[in-house]
Amino acid sequence: MQNITILGATGSIGKSTIDVLIRHPELFSVFALTANSNIELLLQQAQLCSPKYVVIADPNQFKHAKKLFSDHHQLSCEVLAGDEALELVASAPEVDIVMAAIVGAAGLLPTLAAVKAGKKVLLANKESLVMSGDLFIQAANQHNAQILPIDSEHNAIFQCLPADFKYGELCSSGISKILLTGSGGPFLTSPLSDLHLVTPDQACAHPNWDMGRKISVDSATMMNKGLEFIEAKWLFGLESSDIQVVLHPQSIIHSMVQYLDGSVLAQMGNPDMRTPIAHALAFPDRIESGVSPLDFNQLANFTFTEPEADRYPNLILAMQASSAGQYATTTLNAANEVAVDAFLQGKIGFMQIAQVNEECLQQTSPHNLDTIEAVIESDNFARRLSMDVIRNLSQPFIQRVGS
């Protein structure tokens, strides 16, 4: 029996994790569930999982959460709130596994707390590596934490690597490159001239995956793939030249590893996050996930294309930032979070997300990020800068939409 804390339990990854866990009550026990502010769903999940703790990230919701949970006398879990509580349940001695599924920069500190406590960390929060990859990997090595990727692409790569793969040593493992696949999002074939008219609801309607709104927008702009590009570099010790992004609209092949002898190993499966979650939870064993197996008689033809730079400027920005260094990837991640939020609120247009990100990168001078405090300071600066950029962009956009 292994104890697990789920950081971000009410998000799409958290919900899928609980679905897998309740299929295997003999293997896993839930120690803690955390949420930002969705107390009602957190209550339902607690009734399913009977955790020892529940944590509300937003301290302003603590009193409401405390009352709601106390009204359900059958629940014996303790209600906590705030950032320190998140780090507490991520690093508690009783915890064996931490699912790091808080979206965005908010997940950095509790995920890092789990790493420093030497936990088995199931990493769905790619921003931890995008913002502080070097510090994160150093901490994992120092504290003997096991990092297992949850993003379907990185989990696929992990499954296709040789069992004796050594971090950063592709050639000695017989590998020539990593093929990182992406669906291309909902606007893969839309006319470029129409992209500035895209609405938030359209951007969030992903053709294959069920994801939260922020990640869905990132998928539509291909920023999600750009962040995954950066994450892959840190997870496996790669150079930018080791990775090739390939568009695969069917989302059946989740990524591939190309070997020196010409072989290509691909991990395939229906587009359902329960597959990588189950793989990482049970690794090195295998457990049932609830995902239907592929029916090869029903599969359509597979297609593969190269991403267009004009259609996906955010992908290009992320690849450039990856080469520029940690300061650039931290800046880009922060600017993008603010820009996507502004788009979802109707303050800027779809294609202006990339414009905000590019301007923030151009206005940020290179600087060292050798402490977590420096990372957070850089993140905060980029957020303030992106807000200034958005203020200069939003009025012209509103006028255009209203004309």
Protein backbone atom coordinates (compact mmCIF):
# COMPACT_ATOMS: atom_id res chain seq x y z
CA MET A 1 0.00 0.00 0.00
CA GLN A 2 1.43 3.37 -1.06
CA ASN A 3 0.26 6.76 0.19
CA ILE A 4 -0.31 9.46 -2.42
CA THR A 5 -0.84 13.21 -2.30
CA ILE A 6 -2.60 14.74 -5.30
CA LEU A 7 -1.63 18.37 -5.87
CA GLY A 8 -4.37 19.85 -8.04
CA ALA A 9 -6.97 17.15 -7.43
CA THR A 10 -9.88 19.05 -8.99
CA GLY A 11 -8.17 19.64 -12.34
CA SER A 12 -8.37 17.28 -15.31
CA ILE A 13 -5.21 15.35 -14.34
CA GLY A 14 -6.30 15.15 -10.72
CA LYS A 15 -9.71 13.78 -11.65
CA SER A 16 -8.15 11.19 -13.96
CA THR A 17 -5.72 10.18 -11.21
CA ILE A 18 -8.56 9.56 -8.77
CA ASP A 19 -10.34 7.48 -11.41
CA VAL A 20 -7.29 5.22 -11.66
CA LEU A 21 -6.72 5.08 -7.89
CA ILE A 22 -10.22 3.94 -6.99
CA ARG A 23 -9.76 0.98 -9.34
CA HIS A 24 -6.89 -0.23 -7.11
CA PRO A 25 -7.79 0.27 -3.45
CA GLU A 26 -5.47 -2.58 -2.52
CA LEU A 27 -2.45 -0.70 -3.90
CA PHE A 28 -2.96 2.97 -3.09
CA SER A 29 -4.25 5.09 -0.22
CA VAL A 30 -4.88 8.84 -0.61
CA PHE A 31 -3.03 10.89 2.00
CA ALA A 32 -4.05 14.37 0.80
CA LEU A 33 -6.07 16.13 -1.87
CA THR A 34 -5.51 19.77 -2.77
CA ALA A 35 -7.45 22.32 -4.80
CA ASN A 36 -7.27 26.03 -5.46
CA SER A 37 -10.87 26.97 -4.73
CA ASN A 38 -13.24 24.28 -6.07
CA ILE A 39 -14.38 23.19 -2.62
CA GLU A 40 -17.55 21.40 -3.71
CA LEU A 41 -15.70 19.06 -6.07
CA LEU A 42 -12.96 18.55 -3.49
CA LEU A 43 -15.64 17.44 -1.03
CA GLN A 44 -16.99 14.88 -3.51
CA GLN A 45 -13.47 13.57 -4.10
CA ALA A 46 -12.81 13.32 -0.36
CA GLN A 47 -15.97 11.25 0.03
CA LEU A 48 -14.56 8.86 -2.59
CA CYS A 49 -10.98 8.70 -1.31
CA SER A 50 -11.13 9.38 2.47
CA PRO A 51 -7.88 11.40 2.62
CA LYS A 52 -6.20 12.37 5.88
CA TYR A 53 -5.90 15.99 4.73
CA VAL A 54 -7.53 18.33 2.24
CA VAL A 55 -5.85 21.62 1.35
CA ILE A 56 -7.36 24.75 -0.15
CA ALA A 57 -4.65 26.83 -1.81
CA ASP A 58 -6.70 30.03 -1.53
CA PRO A 59 -6.69 31.03 2.19
CA ASN A 60 -9.77 33.20 1.62
CA GLN A 61 -11.77 29.99 1.06
CA PHE A 62 -10.63 28.33 4.29
CA LYS A 63 -13.62 29.20 6.50
CA HIS A 64 -16.10 28.11 3.83
CA ALA A 65 -14.19 24.85 3.29
CA LYS A 66 -13.91 24.16 7.02
CA LYS A 67 -17.66 24.56 7.48
CA LEU A 68 -18.56 22.51 4.42
CA PHE A 69 -16.38 19.59 5.48
CA SER A 70 -17.45 19.77 9.14
CA ASP A 71 -21.08 19.46 8.03
CA HIS A 72 -20.23 16.01 6.66
CA HIS A 73 -19.55 14.13 9.87
CA GLN A 74 -18.57 10.92 8.12
CA LEU A 75 -15.39 12.64 6.87
CA SER A 76 -12.50 12.69 9.33
CA CYS A 77 -10.02 14.60 7.18
CA GLU A 78 -8.33 17.76 8.45
CA VAL A 79 -8.82 20.93 6.38
CA LEU A 80 -5.75 23.13 5.77
CA ALA A 81 -5.14 26.19 3.60
CA GLY A 82 -2.34 28.18 1.99
CA ASP A 83 1.02 27.62 0.34
CA GLU A 84 2.73 26.21 3.43
CA ALA A 85 0.02 23.57 3.74
CA LEU A 86 0.55 22.55 0.11
CA GLU A 87 4.25 22.04 0.77
CA LEU A 88 3.46 20.17 4.01
CA VAL A 89 1.27 17.52 2.37
CA ALA A 90 3.73 17.20 -0.54
CA SER A 91 6.67 16.45 1.74
CA ALA A 92 5.08 14.61 4.69
CA PRO A 93 7.03 11.50 5.79
CA GLU A 94 3.96 9.27 5.32
CA VAL A 95 3.75 10.13 1.60
CA ASP A 96 5.28 7.80 -0.99
CA ILE A 97 3.96 9.36 -4.24
CA VAL A 98 3.08 12.93 -5.18
CA MET A 99 1.01 13.69 -8.25
CA ALA A 100 2.15 17.20 -9.20
CA ALA A 101 -0.83 18.43 -11.22
CA ILE A 102 -1.24 22.07 -10.21
CA VAL A 103 -1.36 24.06 -13.45
CA GLY A 104 1.13 26.88 -13.95
CA ALA A 105 3.74 28.55 -11.76
CA ALA A 106 1.62 27.97 -8.65
CA GLY A 107 2.74 24.34 -8.71
CA LEU A 108 6.46 25.06 -8.52
CA LEU A 109 7.06 25.30 -4.76
CA PRO A 110 4.93 22.34 -3.60
CA THR A 111 6.40 20.18 -6.37
CA LEU A 112 9.91 21.21 -5.38
CA ALA A 113 9.05 20.41 -1.76
CA ALA A 114 8.14 16.88 -2.82
CA VAL A 115 11.42 16.55 -4.73
CA LYS A 116 13.47 17.76 -1.75
CA ALA A 117 11.67 15.21 0.42
CA GLY A 118 12.85 12.45 -1.94
CA LYS A 119 9.39 11.42 -3.11
CA LYS A 120 8.32 9.56 -6.22
CA VAL A 121 7.02 12.58 -8.14
CA LEU A 122 4.58 12.10 -11.00
CA LEU A 123 5.24 15.30 -12.91
CA ALA A 124 2.28 16.81 -14.72
CA ASN A 125 3.30 20.37 -13.82
CA LYS A 126 5.67 21.11 -16.70
CA GLU A 127 6.19 24.66 -15.45
CA SER A 128 8.40 23.33 -12.65
CA LEU A 129 11.01 22.42 -15.25
CA VAL A 130 10.32 25.33 -17.59
CA MET A 131 10.85 27.83 -14.75
CA SER A 132 13.67 26.14 -12.83
CA GLY A 133 14.92 23.12 -14.73
CA ASP A 134 18.52 23.20 -13.53
CA LEU A 135 17.59 23.73 -9.88
CA PHE A 136 14.86 21.10 -10.12
CA ILE A 137 17.11 18.39 -11.58
CA GLN A 138 19.88 19.21 -9.09
CA ALA A 139 17.42 18.85 -6.21
CA ALA A 140 16.11 15.54 -7.58
CA ASN A 141 19.64 14.14 -7.80
CA GLN A 142 20.65 15.47 -4.38
CA HIS A 143 17.60 14.05 -2.59
CA ASN A 144 17.19 10.85 -4.65
CA ALA A 145 13.73 11.79 -5.83
CA GLN A 146 12.27 9.75 -8.68
CA ILE A 147 10.74 11.93 -11.42
CA LEU A 148 8.24 10.17 -13.70
CA PRO A 149 6.66 12.16 -16.55
CA ILE A 150 2.87 12.36 -16.84
CA ASP A 151 2.51 14.47 -19.98
CA SER A 152 1.50 11.90 -22.59
CA GLU A 153 4.41 12.85 -24.85
CA HIS A 154 7.14 12.61 -22.21
CA ASN A 155 5.65 9.47 -20.77
CA ALA A 156 5.70 8.00 -24.28
CA ILE A 157 9.37 8.95 -24.71
CA PHE A 158 10.16 7.42 -21.33
CA GLN A 159 8.48 4.17 -22.34
CA CYS A 160 10.41 4.06 -25.64
CA LEU A 161 13.86 4.66 -24.11
CA PRO A 162 16.09 1.68 -23.32
CA ALA A 163 15.89 0.47 -19.73
CA ASP A 164 19.54 1.37 -19.13
CA PHE A 165 19.27 4.89 -20.58
CA LYS A 166 21.63 7.31 -18.86
CA TYR A 167 20.57 10.93 -18.48
CA GLY A 168 21.77 13.01 -21.42
CA GLU A 169 23.59 10.16 -23.18
CA LEU A 170 21.67 9.61 -26.40
CA CYS A 171 24.52 8.37 -28.58
CA SER A 172 25.74 5.78 -26.07
CA SER A 173 22.15 4.48 -25.94
CA GLY A 174 22.03 4.21 -29.73
CA ILE A 175 19.54 7.11 -30.10
CA SER A 176 19.68 9.69 -32.87
CA LYS A 177 16.74 11.93 -31.91
CA ILE A 178 13.49 12.35 -30.01
CA LEU A 179 10.30 12.86 -32.03
CA LEU A 180 7.87 14.95 -29.99
CA THR A 181 4.38 14.69 -31.45
CA GLY A 182 1.51 17.16 -31.21
CA SER A 183 -2.01 17.25 -32.60
CA GLY A 184 -1.74 20.78 -33.97
CA GLY A 185 -4.84 21.79 -31.99
CA PRO A 186 -8.24 22.82 -33.36
CA PHE A 187 -6.87 25.27 -35.95
CA LEU A 188 -4.47 23.01 -37.81
CA THR A 189 -6.21 23.61 -41.15
CA SER A 190 -7.90 26.96 -40.50
CA PRO A 191 -6.95 29.84 -42.83
CA LEU A 192 -4.20 31.91 -41.24
CA SER A 193 -6.19 35.05 -41.98
CA ASP A 194 -9.00 33.82 -39.68
CA LEU A 195 -6.92 33.10 -36.59
CA HIS A 196 -7.19 36.62 -35.18
CA LEU A 197 -10.98 36.05 -34.94
CA VAL A 198 -10.71 32.92 -32.76
CA THR A 199 -12.84 33.05 -29.60
CA PRO A 200 -11.97 31.51 -26.21
CA ASP A 201 -14.64 28.81 -26.61
CA GLN A 202 -13.25 27.85 -30.01
CA ALA A 203 -9.70 27.72 -28.66
CA CYS A 204 -10.78 25.50 -25.76
CA ALA A 205 -12.53 22.94 -28.02
CA HIS A 206 -9.63 20.51 -28.47
CA PRO A 207 -10.40 17.80 -31.04
CA ASN A 208 -8.86 14.91 -29.09
CA TRP A 209 -8.05 15.69 -25.47
CA ASP A 210 -10.19 16.72 -22.49
CA MET A 211 -8.17 19.44 -20.76
CA GLY A 212 -8.60 22.58 -18.68
CA ARG A 213 -9.11 25.92 -20.43
CA LYS A 214 -5.58 27.25 -19.95
CA ILE A 215 -3.92 24.10 -21.29
CA SER A 216 -6.46 23.93 -24.14
CA VAL A 217 -5.52 27.45 -25.26
CA ASP A 218 -1.84 26.52 -25.00
CA SER A 219 -2.53 23.52 -27.21
CA ALA A 220 -4.30 25.72 -29.76
CA THR A 221 -1.32 28.12 -29.92
CA MET A 222 1.16 25.21 -29.66
CA MET A 223 2.72 26.88 -26.61
CA ASN A 224 1.94 23.64 -24.83
CA LYS A 225 4.24 21.85 -27.27
CA GLY A 226 6.85 24.56 -26.79
CA LEU A 227 6.76 24.08 -23.03
CA GLU A 228 6.97 20.32 -23.57
CA PHE A 229 10.01 20.90 -25.79
CA ILE A 230 11.69 22.70 -22.88
CA GLU A 231 10.52 20.06 -20.41
CA ALA A 232 11.91 17.24 -22.55
CA LYS A 233 15.34 18.87 -22.55
CA TRP A 234 15.45 18.81 -18.75
CA LEU A 235 13.74 15.45 -18.21
CA PHE A 236 16.10 13.53 -20.45
CA GLY A 237 19.19 15.79 -20.62
CA LEU A 238 18.78 16.76 -24.27
CA GLU A 239 20.01 19.53 -26.54
CA SER A 240 17.55 21.45 -28.69
CA SER A 241 18.98 19.73 -31.77
CA ASP A 242 18.04 16.33 -30.28
CA ILE A 243 14.30 17.07 -30.51
CA GLN A 244 12.06 17.28 -33.58
CA VAL A 245 8.44 18.40 -33.27
CA VAL A 246 6.06 16.46 -35.52
CA LEU A 247 2.35 17.18 -35.98
CA HIS A 248 0.18 14.07 -35.75
CA PRO A 249 -3.49 15.15 -35.72
CA GLN A 250 -4.88 11.74 -34.74
CA SER A 251 -3.11 11.79 -31.32
CA ILE A 252 -2.65 8.01 -31.35
CA ILE A 253 1.15 8.00 -31.45
CA HIS A 254 2.12 10.03 -28.40
CA SER A 255 5.82 10.39 -29.20
CA MET A 256 8.70 8.40 -30.66
CA VAL A 257 12.39 7.65 -30.21
CA GLN A 258 14.51 7.26 -33.34
CA TYR A 259 17.56 5.00 -33.06
CA LEU A 260 20.86 5.10 -34.91
CA ASP A 261 20.13 1.87 -36.77
CA GLY A 262 17.03 3.40 -38.40
CA SER A 263 14.49 1.91 -35.98
CA VAL A 264 11.76 4.14 -34.55
CA LEU A 265 9.95 3.07 -31.39
CA ALA A 266 6.54 4.66 -30.83
CA GLN A 267 4.17 4.53 -27.87
CA MET A 268 0.55 4.32 -28.98
CA GLY A 269 -2.80 4.44 -27.25
CA ASN A 270 -6.16 6.16 -27.15
CA PRO A 271 -5.88 9.84 -26.15
CA ASP A 272 -6.67 9.41 -22.47
CA MET A 273 -4.46 10.69 -19.64
CA ARG A 274 -5.29 7.70 -17.47
CA THR A 275 -2.77 5.65 -19.49
CA PRO A 276 0.36 7.64 -18.53
CA ILE A 277 -1.03 8.14 -15.01
CA ALA A 278 -1.46 4.39 -14.49
CA HIS A 279 1.96 3.71 -16.01
CA ALA A 280 3.71 6.12 -13.64
CA LEU A 281 1.72 5.10 -10.56
CA ALA A 282 2.65 1.43 -10.95
CA PHE A 283 6.09 1.77 -12.56
CA PRO A 284 7.91 -0.52 -13.18
CA ASP A 285 4.79 -2.70 -13.08
CA ARG A 286 1.59 -2.28 -15.10
CA ILE A 287 -1.98 -1.87 -13.85
CA GLU A 288 -5.38 -1.49 -15.48
CA SER A 289 -6.23 2.16 -16.19
CA GLY A 290 -9.82 2.06 -17.44
CA VAL A 291 -8.72 3.09 -20.95
CA SER A 292 -10.09 1.09 -23.87
CA PRO A 293 -7.40 -0.64 -25.94
CA LEU A 294 -6.78 0.47 -29.50
CA ASP A 295 -8.88 -1.23 -32.14
CA PHE A 296 -6.55 -1.23 -35.13
CA ASN A 297 -9.37 -2.20 -37.46
CA GLN A 298 -11.06 1.12 -36.67
CA LEU A 299 -8.03 3.43 -36.90
CA ALA A 300 -7.89 6.06 -39.61
CA ASN A 301 -4.74 6.68 -41.60
CA PHE A 302 -1.93 8.33 -39.67
CA THR A 303 -0.61 11.66 -40.95
CA PHE A 304 2.50 13.61 -40.00
CA THR A 305 3.44 17.18 -40.90
CA GLU A 306 5.91 19.87 -39.91
CA PRO A 307 4.46 22.75 -37.84
CA GLU A 308 4.13 26.08 -39.68
CA ALA A 309 5.99 28.97 -38.06
CA ASP A 310 3.33 31.51 -39.09
CA ARG A 311 0.54 29.39 -37.62
CA TYR A 312 2.36 28.58 -34.37
CA PRO A 313 4.62 31.52 -33.42
CA ASN A 314 4.47 30.50 -29.75
CA LEU A 315 6.16 27.20 -30.55
CA ILE A 316 9.01 29.02 -32.25
CA LEU A 317 9.33 31.43 -29.31
CA ALA A 318 9.57 28.52 -26.88
CA MET A 319 12.25 26.78 -28.92
CA GLN A 320 14.24 30.02 -29.10
CA ALA A 321 13.82 30.61 -25.37
CA SER A 322 15.02 27.08 -24.69
CA SER A 323 18.29 27.88 -26.45
CA ALA A 324 18.59 31.30 -24.78
CA GLY A 325 18.53 29.89 -21.25
CA GLN A 326 16.60 29.66 -18.00
CA TYR A 327 15.80 33.36 -17.73
CA ALA A 328 14.08 33.25 -21.14
CA THR A 329 11.98 30.16 -20.43
CA THR A 330 10.92 31.56 -17.05
CA THR A 331 9.95 34.87 -18.68
CA LEU A 332 8.07 33.15 -21.47
CA ASN A 333 6.10 30.91 -19.12
CA ALA A 334 5.02 33.81 -16.91
CA ALA A 335 4.13 36.09 -19.81
CA ASN A 336 2.12 33.33 -21.46
CA GLU A 337 0.09 32.59 -18.32
CA VAL A 338 -0.90 36.27 -18.09
CA ALA A 339 -1.58 36.55 -21.83
CA VAL A 340 -3.75 33.42 -21.94
CA ASP A 341 -5.77 34.68 -18.99
CA ALA A 342 -6.25 38.01 -20.77
CA PHE A 343 -7.41 36.20 -23.91
CA LEU A 344 -9.88 34.08 -21.95
CA GLN A 345 -11.27 37.30 -20.47
CA GLY A 346 -11.64 38.85 -23.92
CA LYS A 347 -8.99 41.53 -23.32
CA ILE A 348 -6.71 40.53 -26.20
CA GLY A 349 -7.05 38.51 -29.38
CA PHE A 350 -5.88 34.96 -30.00
CA MET A 351 -2.84 35.89 -32.10
CA GLN A 352 -1.93 38.64 -29.64
CA ILE A 353 -0.95 35.99 -27.09
CA ALA A 354 2.25 35.39 -29.05
CA GLN A 355 2.74 39.13 -29.50
CA VAL A 356 2.67 39.67 -25.72
CA ASN A 357 5.09 36.78 -25.19
CA GLU A 358 7.53 38.04 -27.82
CA GLU A 359 7.53 41.61 -26.51
CA CYS A 360 8.19 40.41 -22.97
CA LEU A 361 11.16 38.33 -24.14
CA GLN A 362 12.54 41.27 -26.11
CA GLN A 363 12.26 43.58 -23.10
CA THR A 364 13.94 41.18 -20.67
CA SER A 365 17.73 41.22 -20.30
CA PRO A 366 19.62 37.98 -19.69
CA HIS A 367 20.15 37.26 -15.97
CA ASN A 368 21.18 34.34 -13.78
CA LEU A 369 18.59 32.26 -11.93
CA ASP A 370 20.71 30.28 -9.48
CA THR A 371 18.25 30.27 -6.56
CA ILE A 372 14.54 29.58 -6.28
CA GLU A 373 14.11 33.12 -4.95
CA ALA A 374 15.67 34.48 -8.15
CA VAL A 375 13.30 32.32 -10.20
CA ILE A 376 10.26 33.66 -8.38
CA GLU A 377 11.48 37.25 -8.67
CA SER A 378 12.03 36.79 -12.41
CA ASP A 379 8.58 35.24 -12.75
CA ASN A 380 6.95 38.16 -10.92
CA PHE A 381 8.81 40.72 -13.03
CA ALA A 382 7.68 39.01 -16.24
CA ARG A 383 4.07 39.03 -15.06
CA ARG A 384 4.17 42.76 -14.35
CA LEU A 385 5.80 43.39 -17.69
CA SER A 386 3.23 41.33 -19.58
CA MET A 387 0.41 43.24 -17.91
CA ASP A 388 1.95 46.49 -19.14
CA VAL A 389 2.22 45.08 -22.65
CA ILE A 390 -1.41 43.91 -22.55
CA ARG A 391 -2.63 47.33 -21.43
CA ASN A 392 -1.05 48.80 -24.55
CA LEU A 393 -2.63 46.12 -26.76
CA SER A 394 -6.12 45.66 -25.34
CA GLN A 395 -7.72 48.94 -26.37
CA PRO A 396 -6.97 48.56 -30.11
CA PHE A 397 -8.26 44.97 -29.99
CA ILE A 398 -11.53 45.96 -28.29
CA GLN A 399 -12.08 48.70 -30.86
CA ARG A 400 -11.55 46.28 -33.72
CA VAL A 401 -13.96 43.72 -32.29
CA GLY A 402 -16.60 46.38 -31.70
CA SER A 403 -16.27 48.00 -35.14
